[in-house]
PDB file of N, CA and C in Angstrom:
ATOM      1  N   MET A   1      14.540  11.580   3.339  1.00  0.00           N
ATOM      2  CA  MET A   1      14.315  10.404   4.091  1.00  0.00           C
ATOM      3  C   MET A   1      13.255   9.763   3.348  1.00  0.00           C
ATOM      4  N   THR A   2      13.176   8.562   3.167  1.00  0.00           N
ATOM      5  CA  THR A   2      12.288   7.530   2.329  1.00  0.00           C
ATOM      6  C   THR A   2      11.056   7.602   3.256  1.00  0.00           C
ATOM      7  N   ALA A   3      10.652   6.718   2.660  1.00  0.00           N
ATOM      8  CA  ALA A   3       8.988   6.873   3.682  1.00  0.00           C
ATOM      9  C   ALA A   3       8.116   5.130   2.876  1.00  0.00           C
ATOM     10  N   LEU A   4       7.631   4.327   3.872  1.00  0.00           N
ATOM     11  CA  LEU A   4       6.669   3.715   3.683  1.00  0.00           C
ATOM     12  C   LEU A   4       5.436   3.546   3.629  1.00  0.00           C
ATOM     13  N   TRP A   5       4.777   2.961   2.897  1.00  0.00           N
ATOM     14  CA  TRP A   5       3.406   3.085   2.947  1.00  0.00           C
ATOM     15  C   TRP A   5       3.148   1.392   3.872  1.00  0.00           C
ATOM     16  N   ILE A   6       2.102   0.964   4.474  1.00  0.00           N
ATOM     17  CA  ILE A   6       1.961  -0.239   4.807  1.00  0.00           C
ATOM     18  C   ILE A   6       0.633  -0.289   5.544  1.00  0.00           C
ATOM     19  N   ALA A   7       0.483  -1.008   4.766  1.00  0.00           N
ATOM     20  CA  ALA A   7      -1.150  -2.119   4.350  1.00  0.00           C
ATOM     21  C   ALA A   7      -1.257  -3.212   5.000  1.00  0.00           C
ATOM     22  N   HIS A   8      -2.670  -3.484   5.627  1.00  0.00           N
ATOM     23  CA  HIS A   8      -2.914  -4.681   5.782  1.00  0.00           C
ATOM     24  C   HIS A   8      -4.625  -4.508   5.429  1.00  0.00           C
ATOM     25  N   VAL A   9      -4.865  -5.746   5.107  1.00  0.00           N
ATOM     26  CA  VAL A   9      -5.907  -6.153   4.041  1.00  0.00           C
ATOM     27  C   VAL A   9      -7.155  -6.926   4.342  1.00  0.00           C
ATOM     28  N   ASP A  10      -7.822  -7.151   4.105  1.00  0.00           N
ATOM     29  CA  ASP A  10      -9.449  -8.191   4.207  1.00  0.00           C
ATOM     30  C   ASP A  10      -9.483  -7.862   2.835  1.00  0.00           C
ATOM     31  N   VAL A  11      -9.259  -9.009   2.017  1.00  0.00           N
ATOM     32  CA  VAL A  11     -10.179  -9.037   0.458  1.00  0.00           C
ATOM     33  C   VAL A  11     -11.808  -9.878   0.811  1.00  0.00           C
ATOM     34  N   HIS A  12     -12.734  -9.008   0.054  1.00  0.00           N
ATOM     35  CA  HIS A  12     -13.682  -9.579   0.159  1.00  0.00           C
ATOM     36  C   HIS A  12     -14.422 -10.052  -1.305  1.00  0.00           C
ATOM     37  N   ASP A  13     -13.849  -9.143  -1.914  1.00  0.00           N
ATOM     38  CA  ASP A  13     -13.933  -9.378  -3.577  1.00  0.00           C
ATOM     39  C   ASP A  13     -12.505  -9.395  -3.909  1.00  0.00           C
ATOM     40  N   ALA A  14     -12.254 -10.587  -4.640  1.00  0.00           N
ATOM     41  CA  ALA A  14     -10.975 -10.891  -4.842  1.00  0.00           C
ATOM     42  C   ALA A  14     -11.002  -9.999  -6.490  1.00  0.00           C
ATOM     43  N   ASP A  15     -11.851 -10.394  -7.473  1.00  0.00           N
ATOM     44  CA  ASP A  15     -11.945  -9.868  -8.792  1.00  0.00           C
ATOM     45  C   ASP A  15     -11.900  -8.437  -9.043  1.00  0.00           C
ATOM     46  N   ALA A  16     -12.966  -7.487  -7.774  1.00  0.00           N
ATOM     47  CA  ALA A  16     -12.913  -5.932  -7.862  1.00  0.00           C
ATOM     48  C   ALA A  16     -11.239  -5.672  -7.336  1.00  0.00           C
ATOM     49  N   TYR A  17     -10.662  -6.445  -6.419  1.00  0.00           N
ATOM     50  CA  TYR A  17      -9.548  -6.211  -5.723  1.00  0.00           C
ATOM     51  C   TYR A  17      -8.400  -6.301  -6.693  1.00  0.00           C
ATOM     52  N   GLY A  18      -8.318  -7.562  -7.636  1.00  0.00           N
ATOM     53  CA  GLY A  18      -7.354  -7.398  -8.571  1.00  0.00           C
ATOM     54  C   GLY A  18      -7.257  -6.079  -9.567  1.00  0.00           C
ATOM     55  N   LYS A  19      -8.455  -5.650  -9.744  1.00  0.00           N
ATOM     56  CA  LYS A  19      -9.024  -4.427 -10.687  1.00  0.00           C
ATOM     57  C   LYS A  19      -7.724  -3.197 -10.327  1.00  0.00           C
ATOM     58  N   TYR A  20      -7.925  -3.559  -8.525  1.00  0.00           N
ATOM     59  CA  TYR A  20      -7.509  -2.540  -7.925  1.00  0.00           C
ATOM     60  C   TYR A  20      -6.149  -2.549  -8.139  1.00  0.00           C
ATOM     61  N   ALA A  21      -5.397  -3.425  -7.613  1.00  0.00           N
ATOM     62  CA  ALA A  21      -4.061  -4.057  -7.501  1.00  0.00           C
ATOM     63  C   ALA A  21      -3.501  -3.739  -9.185  1.00  0.00           C
ATOM     64  N   LYS A  22      -4.215  -4.101  -9.893  1.00  0.00           N
ATOM     65  CA  LYS A  22      -3.891  -3.492 -11.635  1.00  0.00           C
ATOM     66  C   LYS A  22      -3.578  -2.437 -11.531  1.00  0.00           C
ATOM     67  N   ALA A  23      -4.594  -1.687 -11.442  1.00  0.00           N
ATOM     68  CA  ALA A  23      -4.183  -0.011 -11.499  1.00  0.00           C
ATOM     69  C   ALA A  23      -3.718   0.514 -10.527  1.00  0.00           C
ATOM     70  N   ALA A  24      -3.808   0.382  -9.295  1.00  0.00           N
ATOM     71  CA  ALA A  24      -2.542   0.900  -8.263  1.00  0.00           C
ATOM     72  C   ALA A  24      -1.345   0.825  -8.725  1.00  0.00           C
ATOM     73  N   GLY A  25      -0.535  -0.396  -8.743  1.00  0.00           N
ATOM     74  CA  GLY A  25       0.537  -0.737  -9.503  1.00  0.00           C
ATOM     75  C   GLY A  25       1.200   0.514 -10.086  1.00  0.00           C
ATOM     76  N   PRO A  26       1.125   1.015 -11.063  1.00  0.00           N
ATOM     77  CA  PRO A  26       1.476   2.110 -12.102  1.00  0.00           C
ATOM     78  C   PRO A  26       1.669   3.177 -11.410  1.00  0.00           C
ATOM     79  N   ALA A  27       0.590   3.531 -10.734  1.00  0.00           N
ATOM     80  CA  ALA A  27       0.489   5.121  -9.970  1.00  0.00           C
ATOM     81  C   ALA A  27       1.350   4.749  -8.912  1.00  0.00           C
ATOM     82  N   ILE A  28       1.446   3.676  -8.124  1.00  0.00           N
ATOM     83  CA  ILE A  28       2.379   3.623  -7.487  1.00  0.00           C
ATOM     84  C   ILE A  28       4.275   3.718  -7.978  1.00  0.00           C
ATOM     85  N   ALA A  29       4.594   3.113  -9.222  1.00  0.00           N
ATOM     86  CA  ALA A  29       5.736   3.133  -9.495  1.00  0.00           C
ATOM     87  C   ALA A  29       5.579   4.447  -9.981  1.00  0.00           C
ATOM     88  N   ALA A  30       4.712   5.230 -10.714  1.00  0.00           N
ATOM     89  CA  ALA A  30       4.824   6.715 -10.800  1.00  0.00           C
ATOM     90  C   ALA A  30       5.257   7.953 -10.079  1.00  0.00           C
ATOM     91  N   HIS A  31       5.115   6.997  -9.205  1.00  0.00           N
ATOM     92  CA  HIS A  31       5.683   8.596  -8.148  1.00  0.00           C
ATOM     93  C   HIS A  31       6.996   7.601  -7.243  1.00  0.00           C
ATOM     94  N   GLY A  32       7.577   6.536  -7.563  1.00  0.00           N
ATOM     95  CA  GLY A  32       9.019   6.026  -7.229  1.00  0.00           C
ATOM     96  C   GLY A  32       8.622   4.795  -6.639  1.00  0.00           C
ATOM     97  N   GLY A  33       7.755   4.104  -5.808  1.00  0.00           N
ATOM     98  CA  GLY A  33       7.030   3.496  -5.401  1.00  0.00           C
ATOM     99  C   GLY A  33       7.838   2.306  -5.727  1.00  0.00           C
ATOM    100  N   VAL A  34       8.057   1.774  -5.118  1.00  0.00           N
ATOM    101  CA  VAL A  34       8.883  -0.413  -5.111  1.00  0.00           C
ATOM    102  C   VAL A  34       8.137  -0.975  -4.000  1.00  0.00           C
ATOM    103  N   PHE A  35       7.346  -2.133  -4.540  1.00  0.00           N
ATOM    104  CA  PHE A  35       7.145  -3.117  -3.557  1.00  0.00           C
ATOM    105  C   PHE A  35       8.082  -3.991  -2.886  1.00  0.00           C
ATOM    106  N   LEU A  36       7.918  -3.870  -1.670  1.00  0.00           N
ATOM    107  CA  LEU A  36       9.064  -4.266  -0.285  1.00  0.00           C
ATOM    108  C   LEU A  36       8.401  -6.113  -0.152  1.00  0.00           C
ATOM    109  N   ALA A  37       6.793  -5.657   0.122  1.00  0.00           N
ATOM    110  CA  ALA A  37       6.553  -7.262   0.634  1.00  0.00           C
ATOM    111  C   ALA A  37       4.813  -7.047   0.000  1.00  0.00           C
ATOM    112  N   ARG A  38       4.642  -8.041  -0.474  1.00  0.00           N
ATOM    113  CA  ARG A  38       2.810  -7.748  -1.519  1.00  0.00           C
ATOM    114  C   ARG A  38       2.287  -9.191  -1.044  1.00  0.00           C
ATOM    115  N   GLY A  39       1.726  -9.264   0.168  1.00  0.00           N
ATOM    116  CA  GLY A  39       0.794 -10.270   0.270  1.00  0.00           C
ATOM    117  C   GLY A  39       1.722 -12.012   0.570  1.00  0.00           C
ATOM    118  N   GLY A  40       2.558 -11.664   0.842  1.00  0.00           N
ATOM    119  CA  GLY A  40       3.117 -12.748   1.128  1.00  0.00           C
ATOM    120  C   GLY A  40       3.292 -13.574   2.589  1.00  0.00           C
ATOM    121  N   ARG A  41       4.315 -14.197   2.870  1.00  0.00           N
ATOM    122  CA  ARG A  41       3.834 -15.018   4.238  1.00  0.00           C
ATOM    123  C   ARG A  41       4.253 -14.003   5.704  1.00  0.00           C
ATOM    124  N   TYR A  42       3.342 -14.170   6.468  1.00  0.00           N
ATOM    125  CA  TYR A  42       3.478 -13.409   7.340  1.00  0.00           C
ATOM    126  C   TYR A  42       2.826 -14.588   8.744  1.00  0.00           C
ATOM    127  N   GLN A  43       3.189 -13.714   9.835  1.00  0.00           N
ATOM    128  CA  GLN A  43       2.389 -14.581  11.251  1.00  0.00           C
ATOM    129  C   GLN A  43       1.860 -12.844  12.380  1.00  0.00           C
ATOM    130  N   GLN A  44       0.943 -13.091  12.504  1.00  0.00           N
ATOM    131  CA  GLN A  44       0.372 -11.804  13.172  1.00  0.00           C
ATOM    132  C   GLN A  44       0.436 -12.234  14.129  1.00  0.00           C
ATOM    133  N   MET A  45       1.191 -11.013  14.937  1.00  0.00           N
ATOM    134  CA  MET A  45       2.033 -11.563  16.595  1.00  0.00           C
ATOM    135  C   MET A  45       1.295 -10.367  17.558  1.00  0.00           C
ATOM    136  N   GLU A  46       0.948  -9.061  16.802  1.00  0.00           N
ATOM    137  CA  GLU A  46      -0.079  -8.691  17.547  1.00  0.00           C
ATOM    138  C   GLU A  46      -1.397  -7.792  17.389  1.00  0.00           C
ATOM    139  N   GLY A  47      -2.143  -7.638  17.779  1.00  0.00           N
ATOM    140  CA  GLY A  47      -3.586  -6.785  16.632  1.00  0.00           C
ATOM    141  C   GLY A  47      -4.433  -7.029  15.950  1.00  0.00           C
ATOM    142  N   LYS A  48      -5.092  -6.523  15.168  1.00  0.00           N
ATOM    143  CA  LYS A  48      -6.196  -7.132  14.118  1.00  0.00           C
ATOM    144  C   LYS A  48      -5.258  -7.457  13.041  1.00  0.00           C
ATOM    145  N   ASP A  49      -5.377  -9.196  12.593  1.00  0.00           N
ATOM    146  CA  ASP A  49      -4.897 -10.024  11.560  1.00  0.00           C
ATOM    147  C   ASP A  49      -6.135  -9.727  10.418  1.00  0.00           C
ATOM    148  N   ARG A  50      -4.756  -8.880   9.063  1.00  0.00           N
ATOM    149  CA  ARG A  50      -5.471  -9.313   8.107  1.00  0.00           C
ATOM    150  C   ARG A  50      -4.660  -9.680   7.358  1.00  0.00           C
ATOM    151  N   PRO A  51      -5.054 -10.786   6.537  1.00  0.00           N
ATOM    152  CA  PRO A  51      -4.166 -11.985   5.364  1.00  0.00           C
ATOM    153  C   PRO A  51      -3.670 -11.027   4.709  1.00  0.00           C
ATOM    154  N   ARG A  52      -3.947  -9.871   4.140  1.00  0.00           N
ATOM    155  CA  ARG A  52      -3.028  -9.680   3.000  1.00  0.00           C
ATOM    156  C   ARG A  52      -1.955  -7.962   3.557  1.00  0.00           C
ATOM    157  N   ASN A  53      -0.850  -8.232   3.220  1.00  0.00           N
ATOM    158  CA  ASN A  53      -0.041  -7.315   3.828  1.00  0.00           C
ATOM    159  C   ASN A  53       0.852  -6.690   3.175  1.00  0.00           C
ATOM    160  N   VAL A  54       0.890  -5.188   2.868  1.00  0.00           N
ATOM    161  CA  VAL A  54       1.715  -4.800   2.065  1.00  0.00           C
ATOM    162  C   VAL A  54       2.594  -3.559   2.157  1.00  0.00           C
ATOM    163  N   VAL A  55       3.722  -3.689   1.897  1.00  0.00           N
ATOM    164  CA  VAL A  55       4.924  -2.974   2.166  1.00  0.00           C
ATOM    165  C   VAL A  55       5.717  -2.152   0.666  1.00  0.00           C
ATOM    166  N   ALA A  56       5.512  -0.942   0.585  1.00  0.00           N
ATOM    167  CA  ALA A  56       6.465   0.356  -0.345  1.00  0.00           C
ATOM    168  C   ALA A  56       7.198   1.270   0.294  1.00  0.00           C
ATOM    169  N   ARG A  57       8.005   1.199  -0.702  1.00  0.00           N
ATOM    170  CA  ARG A  57       8.555   2.063  -0.384  1.00  0.00           C
ATOM    171  C   ARG A  57       8.855   3.111  -1.397  1.00  0.00           C
ATOM    172  N   PHE A  58       9.161   5.004  -1.177  1.00  0.00           N
ATOM    173  CA  PHE A  58       8.660   5.736  -1.952  1.00  0.00           C
ATOM    174  C   PHE A  58      10.220   6.752  -1.575  1.00  0.00           C
ATOM    175  N   PRO A  59      10.504   7.418  -2.197  1.00  0.00           N
ATOM    176  CA  PRO A  59      11.614   8.161  -2.140  1.00  0.00           C
ATOM    177  C   PRO A  59      11.501   8.810  -1.331  1.00  0.00           C
ATOM    178  N   SER A  60      10.389   9.705  -0.677  1.00  0.00           N
ATOM    179  CA  SER A  60      10.326  10.462   0.567  1.00  0.00           C
ATOM    180  C   SER A  60       8.735  10.417   1.393  1.00  0.00           C
ATOM    181  N   PHE A  61       8.522  11.193   2.282  1.00  0.00           N
ATOM    182  CA  PHE A  61       7.243  10.858   2.816  1.00  0.00           C
ATOM    183  C   PHE A  61       6.227  11.929   1.386  1.00  0.00           C
ATOM    184  N   ASP A  62       6.526  12.687   1.221  1.00  0.00           N
ATOM    185  CA  ASP A  62       6.149  13.694   0.127  1.00  0.00           C
ATOM    186  C   ASP A  62       5.500  13.083  -1.229  1.00  0.00           C
ATOM    187  N   ASP A  63       6.373  12.123  -1.548  1.00  0.00           N
ATOM    188  CA  ASP A  63       6.262  11.150  -2.925  1.00  0.00           C
ATOM    189  C   ASP A  63       5.024  10.291  -2.582  1.00  0.00           C
ATOM    190  N   ALA A  64       5.321   9.711  -1.337  1.00  0.00           N
ATOM    191  CA  ALA A  64       4.036   8.752  -0.706  1.00  0.00           C
ATOM    192  C   ALA A  64       2.871   9.145  -0.565  1.00  0.00           C
ATOM    193  N   VAL A  65       2.713  10.637  -0.089  1.00  0.00           N
ATOM    194  CA  VAL A  65       1.257  11.675   0.224  1.00  0.00           C
ATOM    195  C   VAL A  65       0.899  11.703  -1.378  1.00  0.00           C
ATOM    196  N   ALA A  66       1.751  12.077  -2.076  1.00  0.00           N
ATOM    197  CA  ALA A  66       1.181  12.353  -3.228  1.00  0.00           C
ATOM    198  C   ALA A  66       0.643  11.330  -3.995  1.00  0.00           C
ATOM    199  N   CYS A  67       1.927  10.301  -3.942  1.00  0.00           N
ATOM    200  CA  CYS A  67       1.301   9.172  -4.683  1.00  0.00           C
ATOM    201  C   CYS A  67      -0.814   8.715  -4.244  1.00  0.00           C
ATOM    202  N   TYR A  68      -0.657   8.589  -2.771  1.00  0.00           N
ATOM    203  CA  TYR A  68      -1.877   8.237  -2.588  1.00  0.00           C
ATOM    204  C   TYR A  68      -3.148   9.283  -2.822  1.00  0.00           C
ATOM    205  N   ASN A  69      -2.465  10.982  -2.963  1.00  0.00           N
ATOM    206  CA  ASN A  69      -3.653  11.548  -3.159  1.00  0.00           C
ATOM    207  C   ASN A  69      -3.729  11.535  -4.913  1.00  0.00           C
ATOM    208  N   SER A  70      -3.001  11.299  -5.500  1.00  0.00           N
ATOM    209  CA  SER A  70      -2.936  11.393  -6.980  1.00  0.00           C
ATOM    210  C   SER A  70      -4.193  10.838  -7.381  1.00  0.00           C
ATOM    211  N   ALA A  71      -4.407  11.387  -9.205  1.00  0.00           N
ATOM    212  CA  ALA A  71      -6.073  10.795  -9.160  1.00  0.00           C
ATOM    213  C   ALA A  71      -5.601   9.537  -9.946  1.00  0.00           C
ATOM    214  N   GLU A  72      -4.727   9.191 -10.598  1.00  0.00           N
ATOM    215  CA  GLU A  72      -5.011   8.007 -10.585  1.00  0.00           C
ATOM    216  C   GLU A  72      -4.449   6.633  -9.759  1.00  0.00           C
ATOM    217  N   TYR A  73      -3.768   6.871  -8.400  1.00  0.00           N
ATOM    218  CA  TYR A  73      -3.838   5.870  -7.385  1.00  0.00           C
ATOM    219  C   TYR A  73      -5.805   6.135  -6.858  1.00  0.00           C
ATOM    220  N   GLN A  74      -6.173   7.757  -6.956  1.00  0.00           N
ATOM    221  CA  GLN A  74      -7.563   7.586  -6.540  1.00  0.00           C
ATOM    222  C   GLN A  74      -8.662   6.809  -6.957  1.00  0.00           C
ATOM    223  N   ALA A  75      -8.334   6.579  -8.036  1.00  0.00           N
ATOM    224  CA  ALA A  75      -8.974   6.336  -8.872  1.00  0.00           C
ATOM    225  C   ALA A  75      -8.993   4.885  -9.226  1.00  0.00           C
ATOM    226  N   ALA A  76      -8.018   4.285  -8.691  1.00  0.00           N
ATOM    227  CA  ALA A  76      -7.476   2.846  -8.686  1.00  0.00           C
ATOM    228  C   ALA A  76      -8.602   2.226  -7.120  1.00  0.00           C
ATOM    229  N   LEU A  77      -8.458   3.343  -6.159  1.00  0.00           N
ATOM    230  CA  LEU A  77      -8.884   2.950  -5.038  1.00  0.00           C
ATOM    231  C   LEU A  77     -10.330   2.386  -4.853  1.00  0.00           C
ATOM    232  N   GLU A  78     -10.944   3.397  -5.997  1.00  0.00           N
ATOM    233  CA  GLU A  78     -12.671   2.996  -6.216  1.00  0.00           C
ATOM    234  C   GLU A  78     -12.892   1.507  -6.364  1.00  0.00           C
ATOM    235  N   PHE A  79     -11.719   0.827  -6.953  1.00  0.00           N
ATOM    236  CA  PHE A  79     -12.036  -0.923  -6.805  1.00  0.00           C
ATOM    237  C   PHE A  79     -12.018  -1.919  -5.492  1.00  0.00           C
ATOM    238  N   ALA A  80     -11.239  -0.506  -4.438  1.00  0.00           N
ATOM    239  CA  ALA A  80     -11.161  -1.771  -3.253  1.00  0.00           C
ATOM    240  C   ALA A  80     -12.411  -1.732  -2.064  1.00  0.00           C
ATOM    241  N   LYS A  81     -12.768  -0.100  -2.615  1.00  0.00           N
ATOM    242  CA  LYS A  81     -13.780   0.672  -2.047  1.00  0.00           C
ATOM    243  C   LYS A  81     -14.601  -0.647  -2.360  1.00  0.00           C
ATOM    244  N   GLY A  82     -15.443  -0.997  -0.744  1.00  0.00           N
ATOM    245  CA  GLY A  82     -16.539  -2.205  -0.756  1.00  0.00           C
ATOM    246  C   GLY A  82     -15.901  -3.438  -1.229  1.00  0.00           C
ATOM    247  N   ALA A  83     -14.466  -3.914  -1.998  1.00  0.00           N
ATOM    248  CA  ALA A  83     -13.858  -4.709  -2.090  1.00  0.00           C
ATOM    249  C   ALA A  83     -12.736  -5.599  -0.806  1.00  0.00           C
ATOM    250  N   SER A  84     -12.868  -4.431   0.090  1.00  0.00           N
ATOM    251  CA  SER A  84     -11.626  -5.146   1.139  1.00  0.00           C
ATOM    252  C   SER A  84     -12.061  -3.985   2.316  1.00  0.00           C
ATOM    253  N   ASP A  85     -11.114  -4.316   3.658  1.00  0.00           N
ATOM    254  CA  ASP A  85     -11.300  -3.356   4.720  1.00  0.00           C
ATOM    255  C   ASP A  85      -9.688  -3.074   4.684  1.00  0.00           C
ATOM    256  N   ARG A  86      -9.566  -1.866   4.735  1.00  0.00           N
ATOM    257  CA  ARG A  86      -7.689  -1.901   4.917  1.00  0.00           C
ATOM    258  C   ARG A  86      -7.343  -0.844   5.595  1.00  0.00           C
ATOM    259  N   ASP A  87      -6.305  -1.028   6.164  1.00  0.00           N
ATOM    260  CA  ASP A  87      -6.199  -0.031   6.662  1.00  0.00           C
ATOM    261  C   ASP A  87      -4.361   0.260   6.150  1.00  0.00           C
ATOM    262  N   LEU A  88      -3.842   1.353   6.153  1.00  0.00           N
ATOM    263  CA  LEU A  88      -3.392   2.415   5.378  1.00  0.00           C
ATOM    264  C   LEU A  88      -2.318   3.360   5.982  1.00  0.00           C
ATOM    265  N   VAL A  89      -1.142   2.917   6.512  1.00  0.00           N
ATOM    266  CA  VAL A  89      -0.478   4.053   7.415  1.00  0.00           C
ATOM    267  C   VAL A  89       1.000   4.412   6.431  1.00  0.00           C
ATOM    268  N   ILE A  90       0.915   5.845   5.948  1.00  0.00           N
ATOM    269  CA  ILE A  90       2.323   6.241   5.284  1.00  0.00           C
ATOM    270  C   ILE A  90       3.705   6.690   6.706  1.00  0.00           C
ATOM    271  N   VAL A  91       4.689   5.966   6.672  1.00  0.00           N
ATOM    272  CA  VAL A  91       5.867   6.247   7.710  1.00  0.00           C
ATOM    273  C   VAL A  91       6.930   6.705   7.266  1.00  0.00           C
ATOM    274  N   GLU A  92       7.315   7.926   7.554  1.00  0.00           N
ATOM    275  CA  GLU A  92       8.746   8.269   7.262  1.00  0.00           C
ATOM    276  C   GLU A  92       9.473   7.264   7.629  1.00  0.00           C
ATOM    277  N   GLU A  93      10.385   6.643   7.277  1.00  0.00           N
ATOM    278  CA  GLU A  93      11.990   5.964   7.354  1.00  0.00           C
ATOM    279  C   GLU A  93      12.839   6.523   8.559  1.00  0.00           C
ATOM    280  N   THR A  94      13.496   6.030   9.315  1.00  0.00           N
ATOM    281  CA  THR A  94      14.518   6.615  10.192  1.00  0.00           C
ATOM    282  C   THR A  94      15.730   6.117   9.380  1.00  0.00           C
ATOM    283  N   PRO A  95      16.735   6.852   9.359  1.00  0.00           N
ATOM    284  CA  PRO A  95      17.889   6.886   8.934  1.00  0.00           C
ATOM    285  C   PRO A  95      18.894   5.982   9.397  1.00  0.00           C
ATOM    286  N   PRO A  96      19.384   5.124   9.066  1.00  0.00           N
ATOM    287  CA  PRO A  96      20.309   4.000   9.436  1.00  0.00           C
ATOM    288  C   PRO A  96      21.263   4.870  10.525  1.00  0.00           C
ATOM    289  N   SER A  97      21.849   4.250  11.911  1.00  0.00           N
ATOM    290  CA  SER A  97      22.510   4.854  12.540  1.00  0.00           C
ATOM    291  C   SER A  97      23.808   4.830  12.192  1.00  0.00           C
ATOM    292  N   GLU A  98      24.824   5.842  12.525  1.00  0.00           N
ATOM    293  CA  GLU A  98      26.527   5.340  11.784  1.00  0.00           C
ATOM    294  C   GLU A  98      26.966   4.734  12.848  1.00  0.00           C
TER     295      GLU A  98
END
């Protein structure tokens, strides 16, 4: 089963967050992650508004968790700390119904 990273982000320091994004991309790709949405147009319908929204698909839930816990991603994440407020959840996708 594939899995999604769903992140909602409020960026306070664009330069530092840009360093995070540059370093995180290769770490995500190394674990099979593919971006489906990355900071595009959105409309907040419920809950807390965060102007940057990112969705990435991974081959499996375990791949998504391994990516987050990897040394490469954790090193990238250091740039985001203090530069943003983030919520990130990993969700296993539901298989299409037949």
